[in-house]
Amino acid sequence: MSERAPIAIIDAGIGNLRSVQKAFEFLGVTPQITHDPEAVLRADAVVLPGVGAFGDGMQGLQQHGMDEAIRQAIQNGRPFLGICVGLQLLFEESEEMGWHRGLGIFPGRIVRFPRSLTVPHMGWNQLHQRRAHPLLADVPDGAFVYFAHSYHAVTNDETIVIATTDYGEDFPSVVAKDNVWAVQFHPEKSHRVGLTILRNFLEYLGDHLSRD
């Protein structure tokens, strides 16, 4: 793919945007960081990264009308990638520091790791692939990626779970349905494996544009 279309990186006020932008730039793409709903709807692909609290993230999205822009972009078939809290916000609700409603793209909720475990779950851990998916092309089963989180998703819909990770219990670390893909870890901090995953997303974007 010789030319990349614009990618909108959503600024929900929960940080870590520049490192994601730099990772895409390393792969030859210059994304736009934005909290403008119109920019999201114009973009050919959308990335929602984040660190910190779920409630703060949802408040940041709603403050600028980005929650509805995300739903519309997804409905329009735009390739969408959630990262860390960006994955969590795609679910229906979270129990982090009270109850918060999420975007409701995926069924399920965000819960805290058991009190018996050290949180945050921080550092390198493995991906155990449940099924083949383009996001994990050329990523070996058991590959290590970098995590930093205290809460994780639970869902009764096993069809969306692409990979899990074991931290005292198995939790979904890669989820996907149609044009919406998301990872609980930080690909921008996961060295070669993370760059492979981001490159796979860009290849999906290229295939998507070639069909339009």
N, C-alpha and C. Protein backbone atom coordinates (compact mmCIF):
# COMPACT_ATOMS: atom_id res chain seq x y z
N MET A 1 0.86 -1.17 0.00
CA MET A 1 0.00 0.00 0.00
C MET A 1 0.90 1.23 0.00
N SER A 2 0.97 1.96 -1.07
CA SER A 2 1.93 3.04 -1.22
C SER A 2 1.47 4.34 -0.58
N GLU A 3 0.18 4.51 -0.39
CA GLU A 3 -0.33 5.76 0.16
C GLU A 3 -1.39 5.45 1.20
N ARG A 4 -1.27 6.09 2.36
CA ARG A 4 -2.21 5.85 3.45
C ARG A 4 -3.25 6.96 3.52
N ALA A 5 -4.46 6.59 3.80
CA ALA A 5 -5.52 7.57 3.99
C ALA A 5 -5.46 8.10 5.42
N PRO A 6 -6.09 9.24 5.68
CA PRO A 6 -6.04 9.83 7.02
C PRO A 6 -6.61 8.89 8.09
N ILE A 7 -5.93 8.87 9.22
CA ILE A 7 -6.39 8.15 10.40
C ILE A 7 -6.62 9.16 11.51
N ALA A 8 -7.78 9.11 12.13
CA ALA A 8 -8.08 9.98 13.26
C ALA A 8 -7.77 9.24 14.56
N ILE A 9 -6.89 9.81 15.37
CA ILE A 9 -6.65 9.32 16.73
C ILE A 9 -7.47 10.18 17.67
N ILE A 10 -8.41 9.56 18.37
CA ILE A 10 -9.35 10.31 19.19
C ILE A 10 -8.71 10.74 20.50
N ASP A 11 -8.82 12.02 20.79
CA ASP A 11 -8.37 12.58 22.05
C ASP A 11 -9.55 12.63 23.01
N ALA A 12 -9.58 11.67 23.92
CA ALA A 12 -10.65 11.62 24.92
C ALA A 12 -10.19 12.19 26.25
N GLY A 13 -9.02 12.83 26.25
CA GLY A 13 -8.51 13.41 27.49
C GLY A 13 -7.90 12.39 28.42
N ILE A 14 -7.59 11.18 27.92
CA ILE A 14 -7.01 10.15 28.78
C ILE A 14 -5.66 9.69 28.24
N GLY A 15 -4.96 10.59 27.57
CA GLY A 15 -3.53 10.48 27.34
C GLY A 15 -3.02 9.39 26.44
N ASN A 16 -1.67 9.36 26.36
CA ASN A 16 -0.89 8.37 25.63
C ASN A 16 -1.08 8.47 24.12
N LEU A 17 -1.45 9.64 23.63
CA LEU A 17 -1.75 9.78 22.21
C LEU A 17 -0.48 9.88 21.37
N ARG A 18 0.51 10.61 21.87
CA ARG A 18 1.70 10.87 21.06
C ARG A 18 2.46 9.58 20.77
N SER A 19 2.54 8.67 21.72
CA SER A 19 3.27 7.42 21.48
C SER A 19 2.58 6.58 20.42
N VAL A 20 1.25 6.59 20.40
CA VAL A 20 0.50 5.88 19.36
C VAL A 20 0.74 6.55 18.01
N GLN A 21 0.68 7.87 18.00
CA GLN A 21 0.93 8.60 16.76
C GLN A 21 2.32 8.30 16.21
N LYS A 22 3.32 8.29 17.08
CA LYS A 22 4.70 8.02 16.65
C LYS A 22 4.85 6.62 16.08
N ALA A 23 4.14 5.65 16.65
CA ALA A 23 4.22 4.29 16.13
C ALA A 23 3.67 4.21 14.71
N PHE A 24 2.55 4.89 14.46
CA PHE A 24 2.01 4.92 13.11
C PHE A 24 2.94 5.68 12.17
N GLU A 25 3.54 6.75 12.65
CA GLU A 25 4.48 7.51 11.81
C GLU A 25 5.68 6.65 11.42
N PHE A 26 6.13 5.82 12.33
CA PHE A 26 7.23 4.90 12.03
C PHE A 26 6.85 3.96 10.88
N LEU A 27 5.56 3.64 10.79
CA LEU A 27 5.06 2.76 9.72
C LEU A 27 4.68 3.53 8.46
N GLY A 28 4.94 4.82 8.45
CA GLY A 28 4.74 5.60 7.23
C GLY A 28 3.42 6.32 7.13
N VAL A 29 2.72 6.46 8.24
CA VAL A 29 1.41 7.11 8.25
C VAL A 29 1.46 8.31 9.21
N THR A 30 0.78 9.38 8.85
CA THR A 30 0.69 10.55 9.74
C THR A 30 -0.75 10.72 10.20
N PRO A 31 -1.11 10.20 11.37
CA PRO A 31 -2.48 10.34 11.85
C PRO A 31 -2.75 11.74 12.38
N GLN A 32 -4.03 12.05 12.50
CA GLN A 32 -4.47 13.32 13.06
C GLN A 32 -5.05 13.07 14.44
N ILE A 33 -4.48 13.71 15.47
CA ILE A 33 -5.06 13.66 16.81
C ILE A 33 -6.17 14.71 16.89
N THR A 34 -7.35 14.30 17.34
CA THR A 34 -8.49 15.22 17.28
C THR A 34 -9.53 14.92 18.34
N HIS A 35 -10.25 15.96 18.75
CA HIS A 35 -11.49 15.77 19.51
C HIS A 35 -12.66 16.41 18.77
N ASP A 36 -12.52 16.50 17.45
CA ASP A 36 -13.56 17.07 16.59
C ASP A 36 -14.37 15.94 15.95
N PRO A 37 -15.66 15.83 16.26
CA PRO A 37 -16.47 14.76 15.68
C PRO A 37 -16.46 14.76 14.15
N GLU A 38 -16.42 15.92 13.54
CA GLU A 38 -16.42 15.98 12.08
C GLU A 38 -15.15 15.37 11.50
N ALA A 39 -14.02 15.59 12.17
CA ALA A 39 -12.77 15.00 11.71
C ALA A 39 -12.83 13.48 11.80
N VAL A 40 -13.46 12.98 12.83
CA VAL A 40 -13.62 11.52 12.97
C VAL A 40 -14.48 10.97 11.84
N LEU A 41 -15.56 11.65 11.53
CA LEU A 41 -16.47 11.17 10.48
C LEU A 41 -15.85 11.29 9.09
N ARG A 42 -14.89 12.20 8.91
CA ARG A 42 -14.21 12.33 7.62
C ARG A 42 -13.08 11.32 7.46
N ALA A 43 -12.57 10.80 8.55
CA ALA A 43 -11.39 9.94 8.51
C ALA A 43 -11.71 8.60 7.86
N ASP A 44 -10.68 8.00 7.28
CA ASP A 44 -10.85 6.67 6.69
C ASP A 44 -10.71 5.56 7.71
N ALA A 45 -10.10 5.85 8.84
CA ALA A 45 -9.98 4.89 9.95
C ALA A 45 -9.90 5.67 11.24
N VAL A 46 -10.27 5.02 12.34
CA VAL A 46 -10.34 5.68 13.63
C VAL A 46 -9.62 4.82 14.67
N VAL A 47 -8.82 5.47 15.51
CA VAL A 47 -8.11 4.80 16.60
C VAL A 47 -8.49 5.48 17.91
N LEU A 48 -8.87 4.67 18.90
CA LEU A 48 -9.24 5.18 20.23
C LEU A 48 -8.28 4.60 21.26
N PRO A 49 -7.21 5.34 21.60
CA PRO A 49 -6.31 4.87 22.65
C PRO A 49 -6.69 5.49 23.99
N GLY A 50 -6.05 5.03 25.05
CA GLY A 50 -6.32 5.65 26.33
C GLY A 50 -5.64 4.93 27.48
N VAL A 51 -5.30 5.70 28.50
CA VAL A 51 -4.84 5.18 29.78
C VAL A 51 -5.63 5.92 30.85
N GLY A 52 -5.73 5.31 32.03
CA GLY A 52 -6.46 5.98 33.10
C GLY A 52 -7.83 5.39 33.32
N ALA A 53 -8.76 6.22 33.76
CA ALA A 53 -10.05 5.74 34.24
C ALA A 53 -11.11 5.73 33.15
N PHE A 54 -11.95 4.71 33.17
CA PHE A 54 -13.05 4.54 32.23
C PHE A 54 -14.00 5.73 32.26
N GLY A 55 -14.41 6.14 33.46
CA GLY A 55 -15.37 7.23 33.58
C GLY A 55 -14.86 8.53 33.00
N ASP A 56 -13.58 8.81 33.22
CA ASP A 56 -12.98 10.02 32.66
C ASP A 56 -12.99 9.95 31.13
N GLY A 57 -12.72 8.75 30.61
CA GLY A 57 -12.71 8.59 29.16
C GLY A 57 -14.08 8.82 28.55
N MET A 58 -15.12 8.25 29.14
CA MET A 58 -16.46 8.46 28.62
C MET A 58 -16.88 9.93 28.73
N GLN A 59 -16.52 10.57 29.84
CA GLN A 59 -16.85 11.98 30.00
C GLN A 59 -16.15 12.82 28.93
N GLY A 60 -14.88 12.48 28.64
CA GLY A 60 -14.15 13.20 27.61
C GLY A 60 -14.77 13.02 26.24
N LEU A 61 -15.25 11.82 25.93
CA LEU A 61 -15.91 11.59 24.65
C LEU A 61 -17.22 12.35 24.56
N GLN A 62 -18.03 12.27 25.60
CA GLN A 62 -19.35 12.90 25.58
C GLN A 62 -19.26 14.42 25.56
N GLN A 63 -18.21 14.96 26.17
CA GLN A 63 -18.06 16.42 26.24
C GLN A 63 -17.99 17.04 24.85
N HIS A 64 -17.40 16.31 23.90
CA HIS A 64 -17.24 16.85 22.56
C HIS A 64 -18.14 16.16 21.53
N GLY A 65 -19.07 15.32 22.00
CA GLY A 65 -19.93 14.60 21.07
C GLY A 65 -19.21 13.50 20.32
N MET A 66 -18.08 13.07 20.87
CA MET A 66 -17.29 12.03 20.20
C MET A 66 -17.90 10.65 20.34
N ASP A 67 -18.71 10.44 21.37
CA ASP A 67 -19.34 9.13 21.54
C ASP A 67 -20.26 8.82 20.36
N GLU A 68 -21.05 9.80 19.95
CA GLU A 68 -21.94 9.58 18.80
C GLU A 68 -21.15 9.51 17.49
N ALA A 69 -20.07 10.28 17.40
CA ALA A 69 -19.24 10.22 16.19
C ALA A 69 -18.61 8.84 16.05
N ILE A 70 -18.19 8.24 17.17
CA ILE A 70 -17.62 6.89 17.13
C ILE A 70 -18.67 5.89 16.66
N ARG A 71 -19.85 5.96 17.23
CA ARG A 71 -20.91 5.03 16.82
C ARG A 71 -21.23 5.18 15.34
N GLN A 72 -21.26 6.42 14.86
CA GLN A 72 -21.57 6.65 13.45
C GLN A 72 -20.46 6.15 12.55
N ALA A 73 -19.21 6.40 12.93
CA ALA A 73 -18.08 5.93 12.13
C ALA A 73 -18.08 4.40 12.04
N ILE A 74 -18.37 3.75 13.15
CA ILE A 74 -18.44 2.29 13.16
C ILE A 74 -19.59 1.80 12.28
N GLN A 75 -20.74 2.44 12.43
CA GLN A 75 -21.90 2.07 11.61
C GLN A 75 -21.61 2.27 10.13
N ASN A 76 -20.80 3.28 9.81
CA ASN A 76 -20.43 3.54 8.42
C ASN A 76 -19.38 2.58 7.88
N GLY A 77 -18.91 1.68 8.73
CA GLY A 77 -17.97 0.66 8.29
C GLY A 77 -16.51 1.07 8.34
N ARG A 78 -16.19 2.17 9.03
CA ARG A 78 -14.80 2.60 9.11
C ARG A 78 -13.97 1.61 9.93
N PRO A 79 -12.79 1.23 9.48
CA PRO A 79 -11.90 0.43 10.32
C PRO A 79 -11.63 1.16 11.63
N PHE A 80 -11.78 0.44 12.73
CA PHE A 80 -11.71 1.06 14.06
C PHE A 80 -10.81 0.20 14.95
N LEU A 81 -9.89 0.86 15.66
CA LEU A 81 -8.99 0.15 16.57
C LEU A 81 -9.03 0.81 17.94
N GLY A 82 -9.39 0.03 18.97
CA GLY A 82 -9.33 0.49 20.35
C GLY A 82 -8.09 -0.05 21.03
N ILE A 83 -7.46 0.77 21.87
CA ILE A 83 -6.23 0.40 22.56
C ILE A 83 -6.38 0.66 24.05
N CYS A 84 -6.14 -0.35 24.87
CA CYS A 84 -6.16 -0.29 26.33
C CYS A 84 -7.53 0.19 26.82
N VAL A 85 -7.62 1.37 27.44
CA VAL A 85 -8.94 1.86 27.86
C VAL A 85 -9.84 2.05 26.65
N GLY A 86 -9.24 2.27 25.48
CA GLY A 86 -10.02 2.35 24.25
C GLY A 86 -10.76 1.07 23.94
N LEU A 87 -10.20 -0.08 24.33
CA LEU A 87 -10.95 -1.34 24.25
C LEU A 87 -12.09 -1.34 25.26
N GLN A 88 -11.80 -0.95 26.48
CA GLN A 88 -12.79 -1.03 27.55
C GLN A 88 -14.01 -0.16 27.26
N LEU A 89 -13.78 1.02 26.69
CA LEU A 89 -14.88 1.93 26.42
C LEU A 89 -15.87 1.38 25.39
N LEU A 90 -15.44 0.40 24.62
CA LEU A 90 -16.33 -0.19 23.61
C LEU A 90 -17.37 -1.12 24.23
N PHE A 91 -17.21 -1.48 25.49
CA PHE A 91 -18.16 -2.38 26.14
C PHE A 91 -19.32 -1.61 26.76
N GLU A 92 -20.27 -2.34 27.32
CA GLU A 92 -21.53 -1.73 27.75
C GLU A 92 -21.41 -0.93 29.03
N GLU A 93 -20.57 -1.39 29.97
CA GLU A 93 -20.51 -0.72 31.26
C GLU A 93 -19.21 -1.07 31.97
N SER A 94 -18.90 -0.27 32.99
CA SER A 94 -17.71 -0.50 33.80
C SER A 94 -18.03 -0.26 35.27
N GLU A 95 -17.35 -1.02 36.13
CA GLU A 95 -17.52 -0.85 37.57
C GLU A 95 -16.37 -0.04 38.17
N GLU A 96 -15.52 0.56 37.34
CA GLU A 96 -14.36 1.29 37.84
C GLU A 96 -14.79 2.59 38.52
N MET A 97 -14.52 2.69 39.82
CA MET A 97 -14.86 3.89 40.60
C MET A 97 -16.32 4.28 40.42
N GLY A 98 -17.21 3.31 40.64
CA GLY A 98 -18.63 3.53 40.43
C GLY A 98 -19.09 2.86 39.15
N TRP A 99 -20.34 3.07 38.80
CA TRP A 99 -20.89 2.47 37.59
C TRP A 99 -20.90 3.50 36.47
N HIS A 100 -20.43 3.08 35.31
CA HIS A 100 -20.39 3.97 34.16
C HIS A 100 -20.86 3.21 32.92
N ARG A 101 -21.68 3.87 32.11
CA ARG A 101 -22.12 3.30 30.86
C ARG A 101 -21.06 3.54 29.79
N GLY A 102 -20.79 2.49 28.97
CA GLY A 102 -19.83 2.60 27.89
C GLY A 102 -20.51 2.83 26.55
N LEU A 103 -19.75 2.63 25.49
CA LEU A 103 -20.26 2.86 24.14
C LEU A 103 -21.22 1.76 23.68
N GLY A 104 -21.13 0.58 24.27
CA GLY A 104 -22.08 -0.49 23.96
C GLY A 104 -21.87 -1.13 22.60
N ILE A 105 -20.67 -1.07 22.07
CA ILE A 105 -20.40 -1.71 20.78
C ILE A 105 -20.26 -3.22 20.96
N PHE A 106 -19.61 -3.62 22.06
CA PHE A 106 -19.44 -5.03 22.40
C PHE A 106 -20.29 -5.34 23.63
N PRO A 107 -20.86 -6.55 23.73
CA PRO A 107 -21.58 -6.93 24.94
C PRO A 107 -20.61 -7.29 26.06
N GLY A 108 -20.92 -6.86 27.27
CA GLY A 108 -20.07 -7.21 28.39
C GLY A 108 -19.77 -6.00 29.26
N ARG A 109 -18.96 -6.24 30.27
CA ARG A 109 -18.66 -5.19 31.24
C ARG A 109 -17.19 -5.22 31.61
N ILE A 110 -16.74 -4.14 32.23
CA ILE A 110 -15.36 -4.01 32.66
C ILE A 110 -15.31 -4.16 34.17
N VAL A 111 -14.48 -5.08 34.65
CA VAL A 111 -14.40 -5.40 36.08
C VAL A 111 -12.94 -5.34 36.54
N ARG A 112 -12.77 -5.22 37.84
CA ARG A 112 -11.43 -5.17 38.43
C ARG A 112 -10.87 -6.58 38.56
N PHE A 113 -9.56 -6.69 38.45
CA PHE A 113 -8.92 -7.96 38.77
C PHE A 113 -9.18 -8.30 40.24
N PRO A 114 -9.18 -9.59 40.58
CA PRO A 114 -9.41 -9.98 41.98
C PRO A 114 -8.43 -9.30 42.94
N ARG A 115 -8.88 -9.04 44.15
CA ARG A 115 -8.06 -8.35 45.15
C ARG A 115 -6.80 -9.14 45.49
N SER A 116 -6.80 -10.44 45.22
CA SER A 116 -5.63 -11.27 45.51
C SER A 116 -4.47 -11.01 44.56
N LEU A 117 -4.73 -10.32 43.45
CA LEU A 117 -3.69 -10.06 42.46
C LEU A 117 -3.13 -8.65 42.62
N THR A 118 -1.87 -8.50 42.29
CA THR A 118 -1.26 -7.17 42.28
C THR A 118 -1.79 -6.38 41.09
N VAL A 119 -2.26 -5.18 41.35
CA VAL A 119 -2.70 -4.30 40.26
C VAL A 119 -1.95 -2.98 40.38
N PRO A 120 -1.67 -2.34 39.26
CA PRO A 120 -2.09 -2.77 37.93
C PRO A 120 -1.33 -4.00 37.43
N HIS A 121 -1.96 -4.73 36.52
CA HIS A 121 -1.27 -5.75 35.74
C HIS A 121 -0.35 -5.01 34.79
N MET A 122 0.93 -4.97 35.10
CA MET A 122 1.84 -4.12 34.35
C MET A 122 3.06 -4.93 33.91
N GLY A 123 3.39 -4.82 32.62
CA GLY A 123 4.56 -5.48 32.09
C GLY A 123 4.21 -6.43 30.95
N TRP A 124 5.12 -7.32 30.66
CA TRP A 124 4.99 -8.21 29.51
C TRP A 124 4.21 -9.45 29.87
N ASN A 125 3.29 -9.83 29.01
CA ASN A 125 2.52 -11.06 29.17
C ASN A 125 2.14 -11.58 27.78
N GLN A 126 1.62 -12.80 27.76
CA GLN A 126 1.44 -13.50 26.49
C GLN A 126 0.03 -13.41 25.94
N LEU A 127 -0.06 -13.48 24.62
CA LEU A 127 -1.32 -13.60 23.91
C LEU A 127 -1.56 -15.07 23.57
N HIS A 128 -2.70 -15.59 23.98
CA HIS A 128 -3.10 -16.96 23.64
C HIS A 128 -4.24 -16.86 22.64
N GLN A 129 -3.95 -17.18 21.39
CA GLN A 129 -4.91 -16.94 20.32
C GLN A 129 -6.02 -17.99 20.34
N ARG A 130 -7.25 -17.51 20.31
CA ARG A 130 -8.42 -18.38 20.27
C ARG A 130 -8.80 -18.73 18.83
N ARG A 131 -8.59 -17.79 17.92
CA ARG A 131 -8.95 -18.01 16.52
C ARG A 131 -8.10 -17.10 15.65
N ALA A 132 -8.00 -17.46 14.39
CA ALA A 132 -7.24 -16.64 13.45
C ALA A 132 -7.97 -15.33 13.20
N HIS A 133 -7.20 -14.26 13.05
CA HIS A 133 -7.79 -12.95 12.74
C HIS A 133 -6.74 -12.11 12.05
N PRO A 134 -7.13 -11.27 11.08
CA PRO A 134 -6.14 -10.45 10.37
C PRO A 134 -5.29 -9.56 11.27
N LEU A 135 -5.81 -9.13 12.41
CA LEU A 135 -5.03 -8.27 13.29
C LEU A 135 -3.80 -8.99 13.84
N LEU A 136 -3.87 -10.32 13.94
CA LEU A 136 -2.76 -11.09 14.50
C LEU A 136 -2.00 -11.86 13.43
N ALA A 137 -2.15 -11.47 12.19
CA ALA A 137 -1.37 -12.11 11.12
C ALA A 137 0.12 -11.94 11.41
N ASP A 138 0.87 -13.02 11.28
CA ASP A 138 2.33 -13.04 11.51
C ASP A 138 2.70 -12.80 12.96
N VAL A 139 1.73 -12.89 13.88
CA VAL A 139 2.02 -12.82 15.31
C VAL A 139 1.92 -14.24 15.86
N PRO A 140 3.01 -14.80 16.36
CA PRO A 140 2.96 -16.18 16.84
C PRO A 140 2.11 -16.33 18.09
N ASP A 141 1.46 -17.45 18.23
CA ASP A 141 0.72 -17.74 19.46
C ASP A 141 1.71 -17.74 20.62
N GLY A 142 1.32 -17.08 21.72
CA GLY A 142 2.21 -16.97 22.86
C GLY A 142 3.12 -15.76 22.83
N ALA A 143 2.98 -14.90 21.82
CA ALA A 143 3.81 -13.71 21.73
C ALA A 143 3.59 -12.81 22.94
N PHE A 144 4.65 -12.11 23.36
CA PHE A 144 4.58 -11.21 24.50
C PHE A 144 4.27 -9.79 24.04
N VAL A 145 3.37 -9.13 24.78
CA VAL A 145 3.03 -7.73 24.55
C VAL A 145 3.00 -7.03 25.90
N TYR A 146 2.91 -5.70 25.87
CA TYR A 146 3.05 -4.90 27.09
C TYR A 146 1.69 -4.42 27.59
N PHE A 147 1.41 -4.72 28.87
CA PHE A 147 0.13 -4.35 29.50
C PHE A 147 0.35 -3.33 30.61
N ALA A 148 -0.70 -2.54 30.88
CA ALA A 148 -0.73 -1.66 32.05
C ALA A 148 -2.20 -1.35 32.35
N HIS A 149 -2.84 -2.16 33.20
CA HIS A 149 -4.27 -1.96 33.49
C HIS A 149 -4.66 -2.69 34.76
N SER A 150 -5.71 -2.20 35.40
CA SER A 150 -6.24 -2.80 36.63
C SER A 150 -7.60 -3.43 36.43
N TYR A 151 -8.24 -3.14 35.30
CA TYR A 151 -9.57 -3.64 34.98
C TYR A 151 -9.52 -4.36 33.64
N HIS A 152 -10.47 -5.26 33.44
CA HIS A 152 -10.49 -6.02 32.19
C HIS A 152 -11.93 -6.34 31.80
N ALA A 153 -12.10 -6.75 30.57
CA ALA A 153 -13.44 -7.05 30.04
C ALA A 153 -13.87 -8.47 30.40
N VAL A 154 -15.16 -8.63 30.62
CA VAL A 154 -15.79 -9.94 30.67
C VAL A 154 -16.98 -9.90 29.72
N THR A 155 -17.18 -10.99 29.00
CA THR A 155 -18.26 -11.04 28.02
C THR A 155 -18.76 -12.46 27.87
N ASN A 156 -20.04 -12.60 27.60
CA ASN A 156 -20.61 -13.91 27.30
C ASN A 156 -20.56 -14.25 25.82
N ASP A 157 -20.11 -13.30 25.01
CA ASP A 157 -20.04 -13.51 23.56
C ASP A 157 -18.63 -13.97 23.18
N GLU A 158 -18.44 -15.27 23.14
CA GLU A 158 -17.11 -15.81 22.84
C GLU A 158 -16.70 -15.55 21.40
N THR A 159 -17.64 -15.21 20.54
CA THR A 159 -17.30 -15.00 19.13
C THR A 159 -16.45 -13.76 18.92
N ILE A 160 -16.47 -12.83 19.87
CA ILE A 160 -15.67 -11.61 19.71
C ILE A 160 -14.27 -11.76 20.29
N VAL A 161 -14.02 -12.82 21.03
CA VAL A 161 -12.73 -12.98 21.71
C VAL A 161 -11.73 -13.63 20.76
N ILE A 162 -10.73 -12.88 20.37
CA ILE A 162 -9.71 -13.36 19.44
C ILE A 162 -8.51 -13.94 20.17
N ALA A 163 -8.16 -13.33 21.30
CA ALA A 163 -7.04 -13.82 22.11
C ALA A 163 -7.30 -13.50 23.58
N THR A 164 -6.72 -14.31 24.46
CA THR A 164 -6.82 -14.08 25.89
C THR A 164 -5.42 -14.01 26.48
N THR A 165 -5.36 -13.51 27.70
CA THR A 165 -4.11 -13.46 28.45
C THR A 165 -4.40 -13.94 29.86
N ASP A 166 -3.43 -14.63 30.46
CA ASP A 166 -3.60 -15.18 31.80
C ASP A 166 -2.92 -14.29 32.82
N TYR A 167 -3.72 -13.69 33.70
CA TYR A 167 -3.19 -12.99 34.86
C TYR A 167 -4.06 -13.38 36.05
N GLY A 168 -3.77 -14.54 36.61
CA GLY A 168 -4.61 -15.09 37.67
C GLY A 168 -5.88 -15.71 37.13
N GLU A 169 -6.33 -15.23 36.00
CA GLU A 169 -7.49 -15.73 35.28
C GLU A 169 -7.33 -15.32 33.82
N ASP A 170 -8.02 -15.99 32.94
CA ASP A 170 -7.98 -15.61 31.53
C ASP A 170 -8.91 -14.43 31.30
N PHE A 171 -8.41 -13.41 30.61
CA PHE A 171 -9.26 -12.28 30.24
C PHE A 171 -9.07 -11.97 28.76
N PRO A 172 -10.07 -11.40 28.10
CA PRO A 172 -9.94 -11.06 26.68
C PRO A 172 -8.90 -9.96 26.48
N SER A 173 -7.88 -10.25 25.69
CA SER A 173 -6.86 -9.23 25.42
C SER A 173 -6.91 -8.73 23.98
N VAL A 174 -7.60 -9.46 23.10
CA VAL A 174 -7.90 -9.00 21.74
C VAL A 174 -9.35 -9.35 21.44
N VAL A 175 -10.14 -8.37 21.05
CA VAL A 175 -11.54 -8.62 20.68
C VAL A 175 -11.79 -7.98 19.32
N ALA A 176 -12.73 -8.53 18.60
CA ALA A 176 -13.03 -7.99 17.28
C ALA A 176 -14.39 -8.46 16.81
N LYS A 177 -15.04 -7.58 16.06
CA LYS A 177 -16.26 -7.93 15.35
C LYS A 177 -16.38 -7.01 14.15
N ASP A 178 -16.46 -7.60 12.97
CA ASP A 178 -16.58 -6.83 11.73
C ASP A 178 -15.44 -5.81 11.63
N ASN A 179 -15.75 -4.53 11.54
CA ASN A 179 -14.73 -3.50 11.35
C ASN A 179 -14.16 -2.94 12.65
N VAL A 180 -14.58 -3.48 13.79
CA VAL A 180 -14.13 -2.98 15.08
C VAL A 180 -13.18 -3.98 15.72
N TRP A 181 -11.93 -3.56 15.91
CA TRP A 181 -10.90 -4.38 16.52
C TRP A 181 -10.37 -3.65 17.75
N ALA A 182 -9.95 -4.39 18.77
CA ALA A 182 -9.46 -3.72 19.97
C ALA A 182 -8.50 -4.63 20.73
N VAL A 183 -7.54 -3.99 21.40
CA VAL A 183 -6.54 -4.72 22.18
C VAL A 183 -6.43 -4.10 23.57
N GLN A 184 -6.26 -4.95 24.59
CA GLN A 184 -6.13 -4.44 25.95
C GLN A 184 -4.71 -3.94 26.24
N PHE A 185 -3.75 -4.43 25.51
CA PHE A 185 -2.35 -4.06 25.72
C PHE A 185 -1.99 -2.82 24.90
N HIS A 186 -0.72 -2.44 24.97
CA HIS A 186 -0.22 -1.27 24.25
C HIS A 186 0.67 -1.71 23.09
N PRO A 187 0.15 -1.78 21.88
CA PRO A 187 1.01 -2.17 20.75
C PRO A 187 2.14 -1.19 20.52
N GLU A 188 1.92 0.09 20.83
CA GLU A 188 2.96 1.11 20.62
C GLU A 188 4.13 0.93 21.57
N LYS A 189 3.97 0.09 22.61
CA LYS A 189 5.06 -0.21 23.55
C LYS A 189 5.51 -1.67 23.47
N SER A 190 5.00 -2.39 22.49
CA SER A 190 5.23 -3.84 22.41
C SER A 190 6.23 -4.22 21.32
N HIS A 191 7.11 -3.29 20.98
CA HIS A 191 8.24 -3.56 20.09
C HIS A 191 7.78 -4.16 18.76
N ARG A 192 8.49 -5.19 18.30
CA ARG A 192 8.23 -5.72 16.96
C ARG A 192 6.82 -6.31 16.84
N VAL A 193 6.37 -7.01 17.87
CA VAL A 193 5.03 -7.60 17.82
C VAL A 193 3.97 -6.50 17.71
N GLY A 194 4.13 -5.43 18.48
CA GLY A 194 3.17 -4.35 18.43
C GLY A 194 3.14 -3.66 17.08
N LEU A 195 4.32 -3.45 16.49
CA LEU A 195 4.36 -2.83 15.17
C LEU A 195 3.72 -3.73 14.12
N THR A 196 3.90 -5.04 14.25
CA THR A 196 3.24 -5.97 13.33
C THR A 196 1.73 -5.84 13.43
N ILE A 197 1.22 -5.71 14.65
CA ILE A 197 -0.23 -5.58 14.85
C ILE A 197 -0.74 -4.27 14.23
N LEU A 198 -0.03 -3.18 14.46
CA LEU A 198 -0.44 -1.91 13.86
C LEU A 198 -0.34 -1.96 12.34
N ARG A 199 0.68 -2.62 11.83
CA ARG A 199 0.82 -2.76 10.38
C ARG A 199 -0.35 -3.58 9.81
N ASN A 200 -0.77 -4.61 10.54
CA ASN A 200 -1.91 -5.41 10.09
C ASN A 200 -3.17 -4.55 10.01
N PHE A 201 -3.33 -3.64 10.97
CA PHE A 201 -4.49 -2.74 10.93
C PHE A 201 -4.42 -1.84 9.69
N LEU A 202 -3.23 -1.36 9.38
CA LEU A 202 -3.07 -0.52 8.19
C LEU A 202 -3.33 -1.31 6.90
N GLU A 203 -2.94 -2.56 6.88
CA GLU A 203 -3.23 -3.39 5.71
C GLU A 203 -4.72 -3.60 5.55
N TYR A 204 -5.41 -3.78 6.68
CA TYR A 204 -6.86 -3.89 6.63
C TYR A 204 -7.48 -2.61 6.09
N LEU A 205 -6.96 -1.47 6.53
CA LEU A 205 -7.44 -0.20 6.01
C LEU A 205 -7.23 -0.11 4.51
N GLY A 206 -6.06 -0.52 4.04
CA GLY A 206 -5.79 -0.49 2.60
C GLY A 206 -6.75 -1.37 1.82
N ASP A 207 -7.00 -2.56 2.35
CA ASP A 207 -7.96 -3.46 1.68
C ASP A 207 -9.35 -2.85 1.67
N HIS A 208 -9.73 -2.22 2.77
CA HIS A 208 -11.05 -1.58 2.88
C HIS A 208 -11.18 -0.48 1.83
N LEU A 209 -10.16 0.35 1.70
CA LEU A 209 -10.23 1.46 0.74
C LEU A 209 -10.25 0.96 -0.69
N SER A 210 -9.56 -0.14 -0.94
CA SER A 210 -9.52 -0.66 -2.31
C SER A 210 -10.88 -1.20 -2.76
N ARG A 211 -11.74 -1.54 -1.76
CA ARG A 211 -13.06 -2.05 -2.09
C ARG A 211 -14.07 -0.94 -2.29
N ASP A 212 -13.76 0.27 -1.77
CA ASP A 212 -14.70 1.40 -1.87
C ASP A 212 -14.77 1.94 -3.30
